[in-house]
Amino acid sequence: MSENVYKQIELTGSSKQGMEDAINNAIEKASETVRNMRWFKVVDTRGHIMDGSVEYWQVTIKVGFTMD
C-alpha cells in the first residue's frame, strides 16, 4: 500500500437527471482546478420538489485527493 497523504473537500452537485449525474457534475467541475482526486463518499442526498414531483437532485460528497 502506498503511503500517500490525502486531503478532503466537500462538494455539492445538482442535476435534473438524477443522483449519479449530480455526483458526476460535482466531480467534473472540481477537476478543472483540483488535481489528483482519488475517491469520493456520498454524505448527503436531497432534492427539490416542485408541483408534486422531483425538480432536481442535490448530492453532497467528500472527495479525497493526494497531496503533491
PDB file of N, CA and C in Angstrom:
ATOM      1  N   MET A   1       0.850  -1.186   0.000  1.00  0.00           N
ATOM      2  CA  MET A   1       0.000   0.000   0.000  1.00  0.00           C
ATOM      3  C   MET A   1       0.888   1.239   0.000  1.00  0.00           C
ATOM      4  N   SER A   2       0.531   2.211  -0.811  1.00  0.00           N
ATOM      5  CA  SER A   2       1.316   3.438  -0.874  1.00  0.00           C
ATOM      6  C   SER A   2       1.102   4.269   0.387  1.00  0.00           C
ATOM      7  N   GLU A   3       2.029   5.144   0.656  1.00  0.00           N
ATOM      8  CA  GLU A   3       1.973   5.975   1.854  1.00  0.00           C
ATOM      9  C   GLU A   3       1.614   7.407   1.485  1.00  0.00           C
ATOM     10  N   ASN A   4       0.492   7.575   0.804  1.00  0.00           N
ATOM     11  CA  ASN A   4       0.032   8.889   0.395  1.00  0.00           C
ATOM     12  C   ASN A   4      -0.581   9.639   1.567  1.00  0.00           C
ATOM     13  N   VAL A   5      -0.602  10.952   1.440  1.00  0.00           N
ATOM     14  CA  VAL A   5      -1.345  11.808   2.363  1.00  0.00           C
ATOM     15  C   VAL A   5      -2.498  12.392   1.556  1.00  0.00           C
ATOM     16  N   TYR A   6      -3.701  12.318   2.116  1.00  0.00           N
ATOM     17  CA  TYR A   6      -4.889  12.783   1.418  1.00  0.00           C
ATOM     18  C   TYR A   6      -5.478  14.012   2.096  1.00  0.00           C
ATOM     19  N   LYS A   7      -6.067  14.861   1.291  1.00  0.00           N
ATOM     20  CA  LYS A   7      -6.853  15.987   1.786  1.00  0.00           C
ATOM     21  C   LYS A   7      -8.270  15.753   1.296  1.00  0.00           C
ATOM     22  N   GLN A   8      -9.259  16.200   2.078  1.00  0.00           N
ATOM     23  CA  GLN A   8     -10.661  16.040   1.694  1.00  0.00           C
ATOM     24  C   GLN A   8     -11.308  17.401   1.497  1.00  0.00           C
ATOM     25  N   ILE A   9     -12.176  17.463   0.504  1.00  0.00           N
ATOM     26  CA  ILE A   9     -13.020  18.637   0.309  1.00  0.00           C
ATOM     27  C   ILE A   9     -14.462  18.151   0.214  1.00  0.00           C
ATOM     28  N   GLU A  10     -15.399  19.040   0.471  1.00  0.00           N
ATOM     29  CA  GLU A  10     -16.811  18.697   0.365  1.00  0.00           C
ATOM     30  C   GLU A  10     -17.415  19.477  -0.791  1.00  0.00           C
ATOM     31  N   LEU A  11     -18.157  18.777  -1.633  1.00  0.00           N
ATOM     32  CA  LEU A  11     -18.786  19.370  -2.815  1.00  0.00           C
ATOM     33  C   LEU A  11     -20.262  18.983  -2.837  1.00  0.00           C
ATOM     34  N   THR A  12     -21.085  19.848  -3.412  1.00  0.00           N
ATOM     35  CA  THR A  12     -22.487  19.509  -3.658  1.00  0.00           C
ATOM     36  C   THR A  12     -22.783  19.735  -5.130  1.00  0.00           C
ATOM     37  N   GLY A  13     -23.161  18.660  -5.811  1.00  0.00           N
ATOM     38  CA  GLY A  13     -23.535  18.746  -7.218  1.00  0.00           C
ATOM     39  C   GLY A  13     -25.041  18.642  -7.347  1.00  0.00           C
ATOM     40  N   SER A  14     -25.576  19.170  -8.440  1.00  0.00           N
ATOM     41  CA  SER A  14     -27.004  19.074  -8.679  1.00  0.00           C
ATOM     42  C   SER A  14     -27.277  18.647 -10.116  1.00  0.00           C
ATOM     43  N   SER A  15     -28.453  18.060 -10.317  1.00  0.00           N
ATOM     44  CA  SER A  15     -28.832  17.601 -11.649  1.00  0.00           C
ATOM     45  C   SER A  15     -30.329  17.360 -11.699  1.00  0.00           C
ATOM     46  N   LYS A  16     -30.924  17.624 -12.837  1.00  0.00           N
ATOM     47  CA  LYS A  16     -32.323  17.280 -13.070  1.00  0.00           C
ATOM     48  C   LYS A  16     -32.461  15.812 -13.470  1.00  0.00           C
ATOM     49  N   GLN A  17     -31.361  15.171 -13.890  1.00  0.00           N
ATOM     50  CA  GLN A  17     -31.397  13.793 -14.369  1.00  0.00           C
ATOM     51  C   GLN A  17     -31.407  12.764 -13.240  1.00  0.00           C
ATOM     52  N   GLY A  18     -30.655  13.016 -12.149  1.00  0.00           N
ATOM     53  CA  GLY A  18     -30.603  12.042 -11.064  1.00  0.00           C
ATOM     54  C   GLY A  18     -29.365  12.201 -10.208  1.00  0.00           C
ATOM     55  N   MET A  19     -29.249  11.293  -9.231  1.00  0.00           N
ATOM     56  CA  MET A  19     -28.152  11.374  -8.265  1.00  0.00           C
ATOM     57  C   MET A  19     -26.787  11.151  -8.906  1.00  0.00           C
ATOM     58  N   GLU A  20     -26.684  10.166  -9.788  1.00  0.00           N
ATOM     59  CA  GLU A  20     -25.395   9.882 -10.421  1.00  0.00           C
ATOM     60  C   GLU A  20     -24.914  11.070 -11.239  1.00  0.00           C
ATOM     61  N   ASP A  21     -25.809  11.716 -11.959  1.00  0.00           N
ATOM     62  CA  ASP A  21     -25.444  12.912 -12.716  1.00  0.00           C
ATOM     63  C   ASP A  21     -24.990  14.040 -11.792  1.00  0.00           C
ATOM     64  N   ALA A  22     -25.651  14.186 -10.653  1.00  0.00           N
ATOM     65  CA  ALA A  22     -25.263  15.227  -9.696  1.00  0.00           C
ATOM     66  C   ALA A  22     -23.839  14.996  -9.196  1.00  0.00           C
ATOM     67  N   ILE A  23     -23.506  13.738  -8.904  1.00  0.00           N
ATOM     68  CA  ILE A  23     -22.143  13.396  -8.471  1.00  0.00           C
ATOM     69  C   ILE A  23     -21.147  13.693  -9.578  1.00  0.00           C
ATOM     70  N   ASN A  24     -21.455  13.234 -10.790  1.00  0.00           N
ATOM     71  CA  ASN A  24     -20.554  13.477 -11.928  1.00  0.00           C
ATOM     72  C   ASN A  24     -20.361  14.964 -12.185  1.00  0.00           C
ATOM     73  N   ASN A  25     -21.414  15.759 -12.074  1.00  0.00           N
ATOM     74  CA  ASN A  25     -21.297  17.207 -12.288  1.00  0.00           C
ATOM     75  C   ASN A  25     -20.348  17.833 -11.272  1.00  0.00           C
ATOM     76  N   ALA A  26     -20.448  17.424 -10.008  1.00  0.00           N
ATOM     77  CA  ALA A  26     -19.569  17.966  -8.976  1.00  0.00           C
ATOM     78  C   ALA A  26     -18.112  17.590  -9.242  1.00  0.00           C
ATOM     79  N   ILE A  27     -17.867  16.324  -9.576  1.00  0.00           N
ATOM     80  CA  ILE A  27     -16.502  15.860  -9.812  1.00  0.00           C
ATOM     81  C   ILE A  27     -15.905  16.497 -11.063  1.00  0.00           C
ATOM     82  N   GLU A  28     -16.692  16.581 -12.122  1.00  0.00           N
ATOM     83  CA  GLU A  28     -16.191  17.181 -13.365  1.00  0.00           C
ATOM     84  C   GLU A  28     -15.828  18.650 -13.168  1.00  0.00           C
ATOM     85  N   LYS A  29     -16.653  19.390 -12.446  1.00  0.00           N
ATOM     86  CA  LYS A  29     -16.356  20.806 -12.192  1.00  0.00           C
ATOM     87  C   LYS A  29     -15.113  20.947 -11.315  1.00  0.00           C
ATOM     88  N   ALA A  30     -15.024  20.140 -10.267  1.00  0.00           N
ATOM     89  CA  ALA A  30     -13.863  20.211  -9.371  1.00  0.00           C
ATOM     90  C   ALA A  30     -12.575  19.852 -10.104  1.00  0.00           C
ATOM     91  N   SER A  31     -12.661  18.936 -11.064  1.00  0.00           N
ATOM     92  CA  SER A  31     -11.456  18.500 -11.779  1.00  0.00           C
ATOM     93  C   SER A  31     -10.824  19.621 -12.606  1.00  0.00           C
ATOM     94  N   GLU A  32     -11.551  20.710 -12.807  1.00  0.00           N
ATOM     95  CA  GLU A  32     -10.977  21.861 -13.514  1.00  0.00           C
ATOM     96  C   GLU A  32      -9.885  22.536 -12.685  1.00  0.00           C
ATOM     97  N   THR A  33      -9.948  22.410 -11.359  1.00  0.00           N
ATOM     98  CA  THR A  33      -8.972  23.093 -10.507  1.00  0.00           C
ATOM     99  C   THR A  33      -8.298  22.194  -9.471  1.00  0.00           C
ATOM    100  N   VAL A  34      -8.859  21.017  -9.198  1.00  0.00           N
ATOM    101  CA  VAL A  34      -8.294  20.125  -8.182  1.00  0.00           C
ATOM    102  C   VAL A  34      -7.602  18.955  -8.879  1.00  0.00           C
ATOM    103  N   ARG A  35      -6.344  18.737  -8.528  1.00  0.00           N
ATOM    104  CA  ARG A  35      -5.578  17.636  -9.128  1.00  0.00           C
ATOM    105  C   ARG A  35      -5.578  16.421  -8.200  1.00  0.00           C
ATOM    106  N   ASN A  36      -5.287  15.276  -8.765  1.00  0.00           N
ATOM    107  CA  ASN A  36      -5.027  14.036  -8.028  1.00  0.00           C
ATOM    108  C   ASN A  36      -6.226  13.521  -7.221  1.00  0.00           C
ATOM    109  N   MET A  37      -7.452  13.777  -7.689  1.00  0.00           N
ATOM    110  CA  MET A  37      -8.622  13.239  -6.991  1.00  0.00           C
ATOM    111  C   MET A  37      -8.596  11.717  -7.104  1.00  0.00           C
ATOM    112  N   ARG A  38      -8.871  11.031  -5.986  1.00  0.00           N
ATOM    113  CA  ARG A  38      -8.757   9.578  -5.949  1.00  0.00           C
ATOM    114  C   ARG A  38     -10.041   8.858  -5.556  1.00  0.00           C
ATOM    115  N   TRP A  39     -10.882   9.455  -4.713  1.00  0.00           N
ATOM    116  CA  TRP A  39     -12.078   8.771  -4.238  1.00  0.00           C
ATOM    117  C   TRP A  39     -13.134   9.783  -3.821  1.00  0.00           C
ATOM    118  N   PHE A  40     -14.359   9.296  -3.684  1.00  0.00           N
ATOM    119  CA  PHE A  40     -15.429  10.133  -3.139  1.00  0.00           C
ATOM    120  C   PHE A  40     -16.332   9.285  -2.258  1.00  0.00           C
ATOM    121  N   LYS A  41     -17.047   9.962  -1.354  1.00  0.00           N
ATOM    122  CA  LYS A  41     -18.002   9.315  -0.460  1.00  0.00           C
ATOM    123  C   LYS A  41     -19.245  10.200  -0.407  1.00  0.00           C
ATOM    124  N   VAL A  42     -20.411   9.624  -0.623  1.00  0.00           N
ATOM    125  CA  VAL A  42     -21.663  10.367  -0.549  1.00  0.00           C
ATOM    126  C   VAL A  42     -22.004  10.590   0.931  1.00  0.00           C
ATOM    127  N   VAL A  43     -22.240  11.856   1.299  1.00  0.00           N
ATOM    128  CA  VAL A  43     -22.561  12.169   2.692  1.00  0.00           C
ATOM    129  C   VAL A  43     -23.984  12.696   2.870  1.00  0.00           C
ATOM    130  N   ASP A  44     -24.624  13.129   1.783  1.00  0.00           N
ATOM    131  CA  ASP A  44     -25.989  13.634   1.896  1.00  0.00           C
ATOM    132  C   ASP A  44     -26.646  13.624   0.519  1.00  0.00           C
ATOM    133  N   THR A  45     -27.913  13.297   0.500  1.00  0.00           N
ATOM    134  CA  THR A  45     -28.699  13.331  -0.734  1.00  0.00           C
ATOM    135  C   THR A  45     -30.011  14.030  -0.435  1.00  0.00           C
ATOM    136  N   ARG A  46     -30.362  14.949  -1.289  1.00  0.00           N
ATOM    137  CA  ARG A  46     -31.634  15.645  -1.120  1.00  0.00           C
ATOM    138  C   ARG A  46     -32.130  16.089  -2.495  1.00  0.00           C
ATOM    139  N   GLY A  47     -33.344  16.570  -2.529  1.00  0.00           N
ATOM    140  CA  GLY A  47     -33.904  17.007  -3.798  1.00  0.00           C
ATOM    141  C   GLY A  47     -34.857  18.167  -3.611  1.00  0.00           C
ATOM    142  N   HIS A  48     -35.161  18.793  -4.710  1.00  0.00           N
ATOM    143  CA  HIS A  48     -36.092  19.924  -4.723  1.00  0.00           C
ATOM    144  C   HIS A  48     -37.388  19.436  -5.364  1.00  0.00           C
ATOM    145  N   ILE A  49     -38.493  19.677  -4.676  1.00  0.00           N
ATOM    146  CA  ILE A  49     -39.800  19.242  -5.172  1.00  0.00           C
ATOM    147  C   ILE A  49     -40.557  20.443  -5.717  1.00  0.00           C
ATOM    148  N   MET A  50     -41.128  20.271  -6.903  1.00  0.00           N
ATOM    149  CA  MET A  50     -41.949  21.320  -7.497  1.00  0.00           C
ATOM    150  C   MET A  50     -43.184  20.676  -8.111  1.00  0.00           C
ATOM    151  N   ASP A  51     -44.353  21.196  -7.757  1.00  0.00           N
ATOM    152  CA  ASP A  51     -45.627  20.700  -8.292  1.00  0.00           C
ATOM    153  C   ASP A  51     -45.779  19.188  -8.114  1.00  0.00           C
ATOM    154  N   GLY A  52     -45.354  18.673  -6.959  1.00  0.00           N
ATOM    155  CA  GLY A  52     -45.565  17.270  -6.645  1.00  0.00           C
ATOM    156  C   GLY A  52     -44.593  16.286  -7.252  1.00  0.00           C
ATOM    157  N   SER A  53     -43.512  16.773  -7.888  1.00  0.00           N
ATOM    158  CA  SER A  53     -42.515  15.846  -8.427  1.00  0.00           C
ATOM    159  C   SER A  53     -41.112  16.402  -8.203  1.00  0.00           C
ATOM    160  N   VAL A  54     -40.129  15.528  -8.341  1.00  0.00           N
ATOM    161  CA  VAL A  54     -38.736  15.928  -8.123  1.00  0.00           C
ATOM    162  C   VAL A  54     -38.292  16.830  -9.268  1.00  0.00           C
ATOM    163  N   GLU A  55     -37.890  18.046  -8.937  1.00  0.00           N
ATOM    164  CA  GLU A  55     -37.401  19.009  -9.934  1.00  0.00           C
ATOM    165  C   GLU A  55     -35.920  18.777 -10.204  1.00  0.00           C
ATOM    166  N   TYR A  56     -35.122  18.608  -9.136  1.00  0.00           N
ATOM    167  CA  TYR A  56     -33.712  18.265  -9.306  1.00  0.00           C
ATOM    168  C   TYR A  56     -33.155  17.643  -8.040  1.00  0.00           C
ATOM    169  N   TRP A  57     -32.038  16.957  -8.200  1.00  0.00           N
ATOM    170  CA  TRP A  57     -31.338  16.270  -7.128  1.00  0.00           C
ATOM    171  C   TRP A  57     -30.124  17.078  -6.701  1.00  0.00           C
ATOM    172  N   GLN A  58     -29.788  17.011  -5.415  1.00  0.00           N
ATOM    173  CA  GLN A  58     -28.546  17.573  -4.890  1.00  0.00           C
ATOM    174  C   GLN A  58     -27.853  16.473  -4.097  1.00  0.00           C
ATOM    175  N   VAL A  59     -26.586  16.244  -4.397  1.00  0.00           N
ATOM    176  CA  VAL A  59     -25.821  15.217  -3.694  1.00  0.00           C
ATOM    177  C   VAL A  59     -24.541  15.852  -3.167  1.00  0.00           C
ATOM    178  N   THR A  60     -24.322  15.725  -1.859  1.00  0.00           N
ATOM    179  CA  THR A  60     -23.100  16.227  -1.245  1.00  0.00           C
ATOM    180  C   THR A  60     -22.138  15.060  -1.092  1.00  0.00           C
ATOM    181  N   ILE A  61     -20.892  15.278  -1.536  1.00  0.00           N
ATOM    182  CA  ILE A  61     -19.864  14.251  -1.470  1.00  0.00           C
ATOM    183  C   ILE A  61     -18.607  14.811  -0.808  1.00  0.00           C
ATOM    184  N   LYS A  62     -17.840  13.933  -0.214  1.00  0.00           N
ATOM    185  CA  LYS A  62     -16.485  14.262   0.221  1.00  0.00           C
ATOM    186  C   LYS A  62     -15.562  13.639  -0.803  1.00  0.00           C
ATOM    187  N   VAL A  63     -14.600  14.415  -1.267  1.00  0.00           N
ATOM    188  CA  VAL A  63     -13.651  13.956  -2.285  1.00  0.00           C
ATOM    189  C   VAL A  63     -12.263  13.977  -1.672  1.00  0.00           C
ATOM    190  N   GLY A  64     -11.540  12.874  -1.827  1.00  0.00           N
ATOM    191  CA  GLY A  64     -10.165  12.805  -1.336  1.00  0.00           C
ATOM    192  C   GLY A  64      -9.196  12.914  -2.495  1.00  0.00           C
ATOM    193  N   PHE A  65      -8.144  13.665  -2.283  1.00  0.00           N
ATOM    194  CA  PHE A  65      -7.100  13.759  -3.311  1.00  0.00           C
ATOM    195  C   PHE A  65      -5.741  13.712  -2.636  1.00  0.00           C
ATOM    196  N   THR A  66      -4.755  13.208  -3.382  1.00  0.00           N
ATOM    197  CA  THR A  66      -3.410  13.093  -2.826  1.00  0.00           C
ATOM    198  C   THR A  66      -2.701  14.435  -2.875  1.00  0.00           C
ATOM    199  N   MET A  67      -1.916  14.673  -1.836  1.00  0.00           N
ATOM    200  CA  MET A  67      -1.117  15.893  -1.766  1.00  0.00           C
ATOM    201  C   MET A  67       0.144  15.703  -2.599  1.00  0.00           C
ATOM    202  N   ASP A  68       0.579  16.766  -3.249  1.00  0.00           N
ATOM    203  CA  ASP A  68       1.831  16.707  -4.026  1.00  0.00           C
ATOM    204  C   ASP A  68       3.022  16.579  -3.113  1.00  0.00           C
TER     205      ASP A  68
END
